[in-house]
PDB file of N, CA and C in Angstrom:
ATOM      1  N   MET A   1       1.063  -1.722   0.066  1.00  0.00           N
ATOM      2  CA  MET A   1       0.263  -0.391   0.315  1.00  0.00           C
ATOM      3  C   MET A   1       1.096   1.007   0.037  1.00  0.00           C
ATOM      4  N   ASP A   2       0.724   1.991  -0.956  1.00  0.00           N
ATOM      5  CA  ASP A   2       1.429   3.774  -0.928  1.00  0.00           C
ATOM      6  C   ASP A   2       0.586   4.297  -0.010  1.00  0.00           C
ATOM      7  N   TYR A   3       1.802   5.472   0.115  1.00  0.00           N
ATOM      8  CA  TYR A   3       1.220   6.767   1.420  1.00  0.00           C
ATOM      9  C   TYR A   3       2.363   7.042   1.680  1.00  0.00           C
ATOM     10  N   ALA A   4       1.881   8.005   2.394  1.00  0.00           N
ATOM     11  CA  ALA A   4       2.787   9.616   2.390  1.00  0.00           C
ATOM     12  C   ALA A   4       2.730  10.030   4.200  1.00  0.00           C
ATOM     13  N   ILE A   5       3.226  11.174   4.352  1.00  0.00           N
ATOM     14  CA  ILE A   5       3.863  10.832   5.383  1.00  0.00           C
ATOM     15  C   ILE A   5       3.627  13.156   4.845  1.00  0.00           C
ATOM     16  N   VAL A   6       2.531  13.736   5.309  1.00  0.00           N
ATOM     17  CA  VAL A   6       2.608  15.166   5.265  1.00  0.00           C
ATOM     18  C   VAL A   6       2.750  15.899   6.574  1.00  0.00           C
ATOM     19  N   ARG A   7       2.722  17.167   6.690  1.00  0.00           N
ATOM     20  CA  ARG A   7       2.895  18.229   7.494  1.00  0.00           C
ATOM     21  C   ARG A   7       1.826  19.142   6.938  1.00  0.00           C
ATOM     22  N   THR A   8       1.455  19.869   8.023  1.00  0.00           N
ATOM     23  CA  THR A   8      -0.050  20.524   7.591  1.00  0.00           C
ATOM     24  C   THR A   8      -0.052  21.064   8.399  1.00  0.00           C
ATOM     25  N   GLY A   9      -0.740  22.195   8.958  1.00  0.00           N
ATOM     26  CA  GLY A   9      -0.757  22.897  10.300  1.00  0.00           C
ATOM     27  C   GLY A   9       0.519  23.027  11.222  1.00  0.00           C
ATOM     28  N   GLY A  10       0.704  22.448  10.941  1.00  0.00           N
ATOM     29  CA  GLY A  10       2.432  21.778  12.408  1.00  0.00           C
ATOM     30  C   GLY A  10       1.854  20.516  12.700  1.00  0.00           C
ATOM     31  N   LEU A  11       1.097  19.880  11.700  1.00  0.00           N
ATOM     32  CA  LEU A  11       0.670  18.324  12.214  1.00  0.00           C
ATOM     33  C   LEU A  11       1.284  17.100  10.781  1.00  0.00           C
ATOM     34  N   GLN A  12       1.686  16.298  11.931  1.00  0.00           N
ATOM     35  CA  GLN A  12       1.939  15.432  10.563  1.00  0.00           C
ATOM     36  C   GLN A  12       0.892  13.864  10.510  1.00  0.00           C
ATOM     37  N   PHE A  13       0.345  13.446   9.185  1.00  0.00           N
ATOM     38  CA  PHE A  13      -0.647  12.662   8.920  1.00  0.00           C
ATOM     39  C   PHE A  13      -0.428  11.811   7.498  1.00  0.00           C
ATOM     40  N   LYS A  14      -0.466  10.738   8.033  1.00  0.00           N
ATOM     41  CA  LYS A  14      -0.197   9.685   7.156  1.00  0.00           C
ATOM     42  C   LYS A  14      -1.288   9.615   6.314  1.00  0.00           C
ATOM     43  N   VAL A  15      -1.232   9.506   4.954  1.00  0.00           N
ATOM     44  CA  VAL A  15      -2.508   9.356   3.749  1.00  0.00           C
ATOM     45  C   VAL A  15      -1.947   8.883   2.756  1.00  0.00           C
ATOM     46  N   SER A  16      -3.047   8.534   2.086  1.00  0.00           N
ATOM     47  CA  SER A  16      -3.291   7.032   1.346  1.00  0.00           C
ATOM     48  C   SER A  16      -3.726   7.821  -0.358  1.00  0.00           C
ATOM     49  N   GLU A  17      -3.471   7.489  -1.012  1.00  0.00           N
ATOM     50  CA  GLU A  17      -4.913   7.447  -2.406  1.00  0.00           C
ATOM     51  C   GLU A  17      -6.104   7.523  -1.217  1.00  0.00           C
ATOM     52  N   GLY A  18      -7.571   8.501  -1.896  1.00  0.00           N
ATOM     53  CA  GLY A  18      -8.805   7.896  -1.451  1.00  0.00           C
ATOM     54  C   GLY A  18      -8.982   8.018  -0.139  1.00  0.00           C
ATOM     55  N   ASP A  19      -7.943   8.359   0.699  1.00  0.00           N
ATOM     56  CA  ASP A  19      -8.011   8.676   1.966  1.00  0.00           C
ATOM     57  C   ASP A  19      -8.757   9.955   2.482  1.00  0.00           C
ATOM     58  N   THR A  20      -9.507  10.174   3.775  1.00  0.00           N
ATOM     59  CA  THR A  20     -10.440  11.490   3.744  1.00  0.00           C
ATOM     60  C   THR A  20      -9.661  11.853   5.512  1.00  0.00           C
ATOM     61  N   VAL A  21      -9.194  12.858   5.049  1.00  0.00           N
ATOM     62  CA  VAL A  21      -8.780  13.845   6.702  1.00  0.00           C
ATOM     63  C   VAL A  21      -8.508  14.306   7.082  1.00  0.00           C
ATOM     64  N   ARG A  22      -9.209  14.801   8.461  1.00  0.00           N
ATOM     65  CA  ARG A  22      -9.037  15.854   9.063  1.00  0.00           C
ATOM     66  C   ARG A  22      -8.416  16.657   9.063  1.00  0.00           C
ATOM     67  N   VAL A  23      -7.382  17.599   8.553  1.00  0.00           N
ATOM     68  CA  VAL A  23      -6.735  18.850   9.567  1.00  0.00           C
ATOM     69  C   VAL A  23      -6.731  20.141   9.812  1.00  0.00           C
ATOM     70  N   PRO A  24      -6.056  20.927  10.067  1.00  0.00           N
ATOM     71  CA  PRO A  24      -5.765  22.291  10.407  1.00  0.00           C
ATOM     72  C   PRO A  24      -7.182  23.035   9.939  1.00  0.00           C
ATOM     73  N   ARG A  25      -7.000  24.005   9.722  1.00  0.00           N
ATOM     74  CA  ARG A  25      -8.220  24.930   9.126  1.00  0.00           C
ATOM     75  C   ARG A  25      -7.078  25.385   7.567  1.00  0.00           C
ATOM     76  N   ILE A  26      -7.090  24.772   5.802  1.00  0.00           N
ATOM     77  CA  ILE A  26      -6.428  25.500   4.942  1.00  0.00           C
ATOM     78  C   ILE A  26      -7.966  26.411   4.258  1.00  0.00           C
ATOM     79  N   ARG A  27      -7.797  28.017   4.309  1.00  0.00           N
ATOM     80  CA  ARG A  27      -8.173  28.872   4.119  1.00  0.00           C
ATOM     81  C   ARG A  27      -8.505  29.148   1.863  1.00  0.00           C
ATOM     82  N   SER A  28      -9.415  28.386   2.068  1.00  0.00           N
ATOM     83  CA  SER A  28      -9.893  27.735   0.128  1.00  0.00           C
ATOM     84  C   SER A  28     -11.153  27.298   0.810  1.00  0.00           C
ATOM     85  N   GLU A  29     -12.049  27.647  -0.606  1.00  0.00           N
ATOM     86  CA  GLU A  29     -14.009  27.017  -0.856  1.00  0.00           C
ATOM     87  C   GLU A  29     -13.313  25.390  -0.852  1.00  0.00           C
ATOM     88  N   VAL A  30     -14.964  25.244  -0.463  1.00  0.00           N
ATOM     89  CA  VAL A  30     -14.763  23.457  -0.883  1.00  0.00           C
ATOM     90  C   VAL A  30     -15.079  23.544  -1.814  1.00  0.00           C
ATOM     91  N   GLY A  31     -14.533  22.041  -2.266  1.00  0.00           N
ATOM     92  CA  GLY A  31     -14.565  21.867  -4.103  1.00  0.00           C
ATOM     93  C   GLY A  31     -13.587  21.999  -4.531  1.00  0.00           C
ATOM     94  N   GLU A  32     -12.111  22.897  -4.041  1.00  0.00           N
ATOM     95  CA  GLU A  32     -11.730  23.611  -4.412  1.00  0.00           C
ATOM     96  C   GLU A  32      -9.853  22.449  -4.115  1.00  0.00           C
ATOM     97  N   SER A  33      -8.766  22.482  -5.775  1.00  0.00           N
ATOM     98  CA  SER A  33      -8.085  21.048  -5.072  1.00  0.00           C
ATOM     99  C   SER A  33      -6.686  21.958  -4.412  1.00  0.00           C
ATOM    100  N   VAL A  34      -6.352  21.226  -3.675  1.00  0.00           N
ATOM    101  CA  VAL A  34      -5.119  22.362  -3.188  1.00  0.00           C
ATOM    102  C   VAL A  34      -4.100  21.025  -3.295  1.00  0.00           C
ATOM    103  N   GLU A  35      -2.463  21.445  -3.300  1.00  0.00           N
ATOM    104  CA  GLU A  35      -1.687  20.382  -3.096  1.00  0.00           C
ATOM    105  C   GLU A  35      -0.421  20.920  -1.842  1.00  0.00           C
ATOM    106  N   LEU A  36      -0.075  20.201  -1.421  1.00  0.00           N
ATOM    107  CA  LEU A  36       0.397  19.716  -0.350  1.00  0.00           C
ATOM    108  C   LEU A  36       1.375  19.197   0.026  1.00  0.00           C
ATOM    109  N   SER A  37       2.288  20.216  -0.406  1.00  0.00           N
ATOM    110  CA  SER A  37       4.169  20.916  -0.659  1.00  0.00           C
ATOM    111  C   SER A  37       4.977  19.792   0.426  1.00  0.00           C
ATOM    112  N   GLU A  38       4.371  20.136   1.164  1.00  0.00           N
ATOM    113  CA  GLU A  38       5.531  19.038   2.964  1.00  0.00           C
ATOM    114  C   GLU A  38       5.739  17.846   3.250  1.00  0.00           C
ATOM    115  N   ILE A  39       6.406  17.282   2.528  1.00  0.00           N
ATOM    116  CA  ILE A  39       6.297  15.843   2.336  1.00  0.00           C
ATOM    117  C   ILE A  39       7.740  14.992   3.320  1.00  0.00           C
ATOM    118  N   LEU A  40       7.098  14.324   4.327  1.00  0.00           N
ATOM    119  CA  LEU A  40       8.765  14.455   4.859  1.00  0.00           C
ATOM    120  C   LEU A  40       9.049  12.552   3.868  1.00  0.00           C
ATOM    121  N   ALA A  41       8.112  11.870   3.791  1.00  0.00           N
ATOM    122  CA  ALA A  41       8.190  10.724   3.257  1.00  0.00           C
ATOM    123  C   ALA A  41       7.312  10.080   2.101  1.00  0.00           C
ATOM    124  N   VAL A  42       7.761   8.737   1.748  1.00  0.00           N
ATOM    125  CA  VAL A  42       7.009   8.663   0.620  1.00  0.00           C
ATOM    126  C   VAL A  42       7.203   6.723   0.755  1.00  0.00           C
ATOM    127  N   LYS A  43       5.839   6.343   1.035  1.00  0.00           N
ATOM    128  CA  LYS A  43       6.401   5.344   0.233  1.00  0.00           C
ATOM    129  C   LYS A  43       5.018   4.460  -1.020  1.00  0.00           C
ATOM    130  N   ARG A  44       6.672   3.290  -1.780  1.00  0.00           N
ATOM    131  CA  ARG A  44       5.929   3.610  -3.188  1.00  0.00           C
ATOM    132  C   ARG A  44       5.944   1.871  -3.558  1.00  0.00           C
ATOM    133  N   GLY A  45       4.995   0.940  -3.030  1.00  0.00           N
ATOM    134  CA  GLY A  45       5.696  -0.551  -3.212  1.00  0.00           C
ATOM    135  C   GLY A  45       6.521  -0.337  -2.527  1.00  0.00           C
ATOM    136  N   ASP A  46       8.200  -0.876  -2.886  1.00  0.00           N
ATOM    137  CA  ASP A  46       8.688  -1.659  -2.340  1.00  0.00           C
ATOM    138  C   ASP A  46       9.902  -0.454  -2.337  1.00  0.00           C
ATOM    139  N   ASP A  47       9.946   0.629  -3.047  1.00  0.00           N
ATOM    140  CA  ASP A  47      10.980   2.215  -2.876  1.00  0.00           C
ATOM    141  C   ASP A  47      10.860   2.992  -1.395  1.00  0.00           C
ATOM    142  N   VAL A  48      11.093   3.299  -0.665  1.00  0.00           N
ATOM    143  CA  VAL A  48      10.936   4.693   0.664  1.00  0.00           C
ATOM    144  C   VAL A  48      12.127   5.258   0.120  1.00  0.00           C
ATOM    145  N   SER A  49      11.052   6.523   1.050  1.00  0.00           N
ATOM    146  CA  SER A  49      12.194   8.107   0.456  1.00  0.00           C
ATOM    147  C   SER A  49      11.854   8.593   0.935  1.00  0.00           C
ATOM    148  N   ILE A  50      12.244   9.455   2.542  1.00  0.00           N
ATOM    149  CA  ILE A  50      12.984   9.794   3.343  1.00  0.00           C
ATOM    150  C   ILE A  50      13.280  10.782   3.747  1.00  0.00           C
ATOM    151  N   GLY A  51      12.767  12.478   3.658  1.00  0.00           N
ATOM    152  CA  GLY A  51      13.356  13.553   4.028  1.00  0.00           C
ATOM    153  C   GLY A  51      13.978  13.224   4.443  1.00  0.00           C
ATOM    154  N   ALA A  52      15.030  14.758   4.087  1.00  0.00           N
ATOM    155  CA  ALA A  52      16.191  15.145   5.426  1.00  0.00           C
ATOM    156  C   ALA A  52      16.178  17.210   5.678  1.00  0.00           C
ATOM    157  N   PRO A  53      15.036  17.549   4.926  1.00  0.00           N
ATOM    158  CA  PRO A  53      13.806  17.246   6.478  1.00  0.00           C
ATOM    159  C   PRO A  53      12.749  17.190   5.215  1.00  0.00           C
ATOM    160  N   LEU A  54      12.329  17.082   3.856  1.00  0.00           N
ATOM    161  CA  LEU A  54      11.664  17.091   3.390  1.00  0.00           C
ATOM    162  C   LEU A  54      11.797  16.260   1.961  1.00  0.00           C
ATOM    163  N   VAL A  55      10.719  15.043   1.135  1.00  0.00           N
ATOM    164  CA  VAL A  55      11.043  14.914   0.124  1.00  0.00           C
ATOM    165  C   VAL A  55      11.528  15.893  -1.226  1.00  0.00           C
ATOM    166  N   GLU A  56      12.541  15.943  -1.961  1.00  0.00           N
ATOM    167  CA  GLU A  56      11.934  17.386  -2.972  1.00  0.00           C
ATOM    168  C   GLU A  56      10.954  16.304  -3.696  1.00  0.00           C
ATOM    169  N   ASN A  57      10.867  16.578  -4.828  1.00  0.00           N
ATOM    170  CA  ASN A  57      10.041  16.630  -6.178  1.00  0.00           C
ATOM    171  C   ASN A  57       8.728  15.761  -5.651  1.00  0.00           C
ATOM    172  N   ALA A  58       8.179  15.507  -4.407  1.00  0.00           N
ATOM    173  CA  ALA A  58       6.819  14.955  -3.618  1.00  0.00           C
ATOM    174  C   ALA A  58       5.593  16.163  -3.965  1.00  0.00           C
ATOM    175  N   SER A  59       4.814  15.517  -4.292  1.00  0.00           N
ATOM    176  CA  SER A  59       3.836  16.742  -3.729  1.00  0.00           C
ATOM    177  C   SER A  59       3.092  15.054  -3.684  1.00  0.00           C
ATOM    178  N   VAL A  60       2.015  15.600  -2.439  1.00  0.00           N
ATOM    179  CA  VAL A  60       0.727  15.486  -2.274  1.00  0.00           C
ATOM    180  C   VAL A  60      -0.605  16.365  -3.342  1.00  0.00           C
ATOM    181  N   SER A  61      -1.659  15.696  -4.180  1.00  0.00           N
ATOM    182  CA  SER A  61      -2.829  16.581  -4.427  1.00  0.00           C
ATOM    183  C   SER A  61      -4.055  16.359  -3.802  1.00  0.00           C
ATOM    184  N   ALA A  62      -5.026  16.934  -3.219  1.00  0.00           N
ATOM    185  CA  ALA A  62      -6.137  16.634  -2.269  1.00  0.00           C
ATOM    186  C   ALA A  62      -7.361  17.761  -2.255  1.00  0.00           C
ATOM    187  N   GLU A  63      -8.292  17.363  -2.573  1.00  0.00           N
ATOM    188  CA  GLU A  63     -10.026  18.251  -2.771  1.00  0.00           C
ATOM    189  C   GLU A  63     -10.349  18.478  -1.135  1.00  0.00           C
ATOM    190  N   ILE A  64     -11.326  19.669  -1.051  1.00  0.00           N
ATOM    191  CA  ILE A  64     -11.829  20.282   0.392  1.00  0.00           C
ATOM    192  C   ILE A  64     -13.352  20.206   0.338  1.00  0.00           C
ATOM    193  N   VAL A  65     -13.249  19.214   0.809  1.00  0.00           N
ATOM    194  CA  VAL A  65     -15.163  18.334   1.079  1.00  0.00           C
ATOM    195  C   VAL A  65     -15.275  18.968   2.201  1.00  0.00           C
ATOM    196  N   SER A  66     -14.768  19.582   3.155  1.00  0.00           N
ATOM    197  CA  SER A  66     -15.843  20.113   3.907  1.00  0.00           C
ATOM    198  C   SER A  66     -14.490  20.538   5.095  1.00  0.00           C
ATOM    199  N   HIS A  67     -15.851  22.027   5.763  1.00  0.00           N
ATOM    200  CA  HIS A  67     -14.559  22.790   7.056  1.00  0.00           C
ATOM    201  C   HIS A  67     -15.843  22.644   8.345  1.00  0.00           C
ATOM    202  N   GLY A  68     -15.274  22.561   9.516  1.00  0.00           N
ATOM    203  CA  GLY A  68     -15.924  22.655  10.245  1.00  0.00           C
ATOM    204  C   GLY A  68     -15.114  22.754  11.667  1.00  0.00           C
ATOM    205  N   LYS A  69     -16.437  22.197  12.598  1.00  0.00           N
ATOM    206  CA  LYS A  69     -15.541  22.459  14.569  1.00  0.00           C
ATOM    207  C   LYS A  69     -15.433  21.117  14.898  1.00  0.00           C
ATOM    208  N   ASN A  70     -14.021  20.827  15.054  1.00  0.00           N
ATOM    209  CA  ASN A  70     -14.185  19.702  15.848  1.00  0.00           C
ATOM    210  C   ASN A  70     -15.119  19.767  17.467  1.00  0.00           C
ATOM    211  N   ARG A  71     -14.958  18.596  18.399  1.00  0.00           N
ATOM    212  CA  ARG A  71     -15.997  18.826  19.294  1.00  0.00           C
ATOM    213  C   ARG A  71     -15.389  20.013  20.860  1.00  0.00           C
ATOM    214  N   LYS A  72     -16.016  19.994  21.095  1.00  0.00           N
ATOM    215  CA  LYS A  72     -15.626  21.363  22.704  1.00  0.00           C
ATOM    216  C   LYS A  72     -14.177  20.995  23.599  1.00  0.00           C
ATOM    217  N   VAL A  73     -13.252  21.413  23.961  1.00  0.00           N
ATOM    218  CA  VAL A  73     -11.877  21.422  24.611  1.00  0.00           C
ATOM    219  C   VAL A  73     -12.659  21.828  26.433  1.00  0.00           C
ATOM    220  N   ILE A  74     -12.689  21.166  26.792  1.00  0.00           N
ATOM    221  CA  ILE A  74     -12.635  22.080  28.077  1.00  0.00           C
ATOM    222  C   ILE A  74     -11.548  22.277  29.214  1.00  0.00           C
ATOM    223  N   VAL A  75     -11.987  23.602  28.939  1.00  0.00           N
ATOM    224  CA  VAL A  75     -10.152  23.894  30.474  1.00  0.00           C
ATOM    225  C   VAL A  75     -10.563  24.710  30.927  1.00  0.00           C
ATOM    226  N   TYR A  76     -10.013  24.116  32.328  1.00  0.00           N
ATOM    227  CA  TYR A  76     -10.603  23.821  33.805  1.00  0.00           C
ATOM    228  C   TYR A  76      -9.636  24.256  34.862  1.00  0.00           C
ATOM    229  N   LYS A  77      -9.498  25.759  34.942  1.00  0.00           N
ATOM    230  CA  LYS A  77      -7.695  25.815  35.888  1.00  0.00           C
ATOM    231  C   LYS A  77      -8.348  26.699  37.527  1.00  0.00           C
ATOM    232  N   LYS A  78      -7.513  25.953  38.697  1.00  0.00           N
ATOM    233  CA  LYS A  78      -8.218  26.348  40.360  1.00  0.00           C
ATOM    234  C   LYS A  78      -7.182  26.738  40.667  1.00  0.00           C
ATOM    235  N   LYS A  79      -7.302  27.818  41.823  1.00  0.00           N
ATOM    236  CA  LYS A  79      -6.174  27.928  42.814  1.00  0.00           C
ATOM    237  C   LYS A  79      -6.579  27.235  44.166  1.00  0.00           C
ATOM    238  N   ARG A  80      -5.598  26.735  44.695  1.00  0.00           N
ATOM    239  CA  ARG A  80      -6.600  25.707  45.841  1.00  0.00           C
ATOM    240  C   ARG A  80      -6.217  27.336  47.145  1.00  0.00           C
ATOM    241  N   ARG A  81      -7.677  27.252  47.619  1.00  0.00           N
ATOM    242  CA  ARG A  81      -7.911  28.124  48.988  1.00  0.00           C
ATOM    243  C   ARG A  81      -7.319  29.900  48.470  1.00  0.00           C
ATOM    244  N   LYS A  82      -8.216  30.255  47.163  1.00  0.00           N
ATOM    245  CA  LYS A  82      -7.968  31.236  46.787  1.00  0.00           C
ATOM    246  C   LYS A  82      -9.025  32.251  46.309  1.00  0.00           C
ATOM    247  N   GLY A  83     -10.797  30.579  45.970  1.00  0.00           N
ATOM    248  CA  GLY A  83     -11.695  31.063  45.711  1.00  0.00           C
ATOM    249  C   GLY A  83     -10.990  31.324  44.002  1.00  0.00           C
ATOM    250  N   TYR A  84     -10.162  31.303  43.037  1.00  0.00           N
ATOM    251  CA  TYR A  84      -9.523  31.168  41.914  1.00  0.00           C
ATOM    252  C   TYR A  84     -10.144  29.960  41.009  1.00  0.00           C
ATOM    253  N   GLN A  85     -11.789  29.901  40.217  1.00  0.00           N
ATOM    254  CA  GLN A  85     -11.723  28.699  39.652  1.00  0.00           C
ATOM    255  C   GLN A  85     -11.682  29.994  37.779  1.00  0.00           C
ATOM    256  N   ARG A  86     -11.573  28.990  37.168  1.00  0.00           N
ATOM    257  CA  ARG A  86     -11.706  29.969  35.120  1.00  0.00           C
ATOM    258  C   ARG A  86     -12.214  28.499  34.255  1.00  0.00           C
ATOM    259  N   THR A  87     -13.622  28.074  33.617  1.00  0.00           N
ATOM    260  CA  THR A  87     -13.424  27.202  32.925  1.00  0.00           C
ATOM    261  C   THR A  87     -13.653  27.971  31.180  1.00  0.00           C
ATOM    262  N   LYS A  88     -13.346  27.430  31.412  1.00  0.00           N
ATOM    263  CA  LYS A  88     -12.915  27.796  29.147  1.00  0.00           C
ATOM    264  C   LYS A  88     -13.388  27.036  28.523  1.00  0.00           C
ATOM    265  N   GLY A  89     -13.379  26.938  27.874  1.00  0.00           N
ATOM    266  CA  GLY A  89     -13.893  26.011  26.022  1.00  0.00           C
ATOM    267  C   GLY A  89     -13.857  26.768  24.663  1.00  0.00           C
ATOM    268  N   HIS A  90     -13.168  25.215  23.564  1.00  0.00           N
ATOM    269  CA  HIS A  90     -12.429  25.931  22.301  1.00  0.00           C
ATOM    270  C   HIS A  90     -12.411  25.053  21.299  1.00  0.00           C
ATOM    271  N   ARG A  91     -13.296  25.313  20.234  1.00  0.00           N
ATOM    272  CA  ARG A  91     -13.193  24.552  19.267  1.00  0.00           C
ATOM    273  C   ARG A  91     -12.535  24.704  18.402  1.00  0.00           C
ATOM    274  N   GLN A  92     -11.592  23.588  17.302  1.00  0.00           N
ATOM    275  CA  GLN A  92     -10.594  24.689  16.510  1.00  0.00           C
ATOM    276  C   GLN A  92     -11.230  23.611  15.296  1.00  0.00           C
ATOM    277  N   ASP A  93     -10.130  25.665  14.695  1.00  0.00           N
ATOM    278  CA  ASP A  93     -11.772  24.707  13.549  1.00  0.00           C
ATOM    279  C   ASP A  93     -10.469  23.715  12.288  1.00  0.00           C
ATOM    280  N   TYR A  94     -11.851  23.013  11.158  1.00  0.00           N
ATOM    281  CA  TYR A  94     -10.347  22.103  10.494  1.00  0.00           C
ATOM    282  C   TYR A  94     -11.235  22.084   9.300  1.00  0.00           C
ATOM    283  N   THR A  95     -10.292  20.963   8.229  1.00  0.00           N
ATOM    284  CA  THR A  95     -10.844  21.076   7.127  1.00  0.00           C
ATOM    285  C   THR A  95     -10.730  19.766   7.351  1.00  0.00           C
ATOM    286  N   GLU A  96     -11.218  19.195   5.680  1.00  0.00           N
ATOM    287  CA  GLU A  96     -11.955  17.317   6.147  1.00  0.00           C
ATOM    288  C   GLU A  96     -11.612  17.609   4.304  1.00  0.00           C
ATOM    289  N   LEU A  97     -10.102  17.550   3.672  1.00  0.00           N
ATOM    290  CA  LEU A  97      -9.660  16.326   2.753  1.00  0.00           C
ATOM    291  C   LEU A  97      -9.879  14.711   2.438  1.00  0.00           C
ATOM    292  N   ARG A  98     -10.803  15.233   0.459  1.00  0.00           N
ATOM    293  CA  ARG A  98     -10.361  13.736   0.039  1.00  0.00           C
ATOM    294  C   ARG A  98      -8.954  13.910  -0.533  1.00  0.00           C
ATOM    295  N   ILE A  99      -7.985  12.592  -0.164  1.00  0.00           N
ATOM    296  CA  ILE A  99      -6.600  12.831  -0.888  1.00  0.00           C
ATOM    297  C   ILE A  99      -7.179  12.449  -2.053  1.00  0.00           C
ATOM    298  N   GLY A 100      -5.890  12.563  -3.479  1.00  0.00           N
ATOM    299  CA  GLY A 100      -6.253  12.792  -4.121  1.00  0.00           C
ATOM    300  C   GLY A 100      -4.732  10.828  -4.620  1.00  0.00           C
ATOM    301  N   SER A 101      -3.751  12.081  -5.862  1.00  0.00           N
ATOM    302  CA  SER A 101      -3.050  11.107  -6.350  1.00  0.00           C
ATOM    303  C   SER A 101      -1.263  11.691  -4.654  1.00  0.00           C
ATOM    304  N   ILE A 102      -1.036  10.868  -4.898  1.00  0.00           N
ATOM    305  CA  ILE A 102       0.386  11.178  -4.662  1.00  0.00           C
ATOM    306  C   ILE A 102       2.224  10.716  -5.319  1.00  0.00           C
ATOM    307  N   GLY A 103       2.080  12.252  -6.266  1.00  0.00           N
ATOM    308  CA  GLY A 103       3.648  12.293  -6.856  1.00  0.00           C
ATOM    309  C   GLY A 103       4.495  12.313  -6.217  1.00  0.00           C
TER     310      GLY A 103
END
């Protein structure tokens, strides 16, 4: 099975052709095609290319399927005996990508 390890939004993802992956928000419209150029490793058949830090002349094309927000993460702070309590919530934006070709 062919796959690539890509970096986008400061995170790394292992992707194969046809996969659907949620990555940090990409500022493009739904239906547009995007090119992921930060490829850290590529495996095609028995050939494995590992970059130092990136694999040259490698790219992954993907199509934007949707945008959304992840579920809420609660951040709670407290200092004992001081009467200090804070509760905050955060929902991270994401973009869902359908991986096309690995080149």
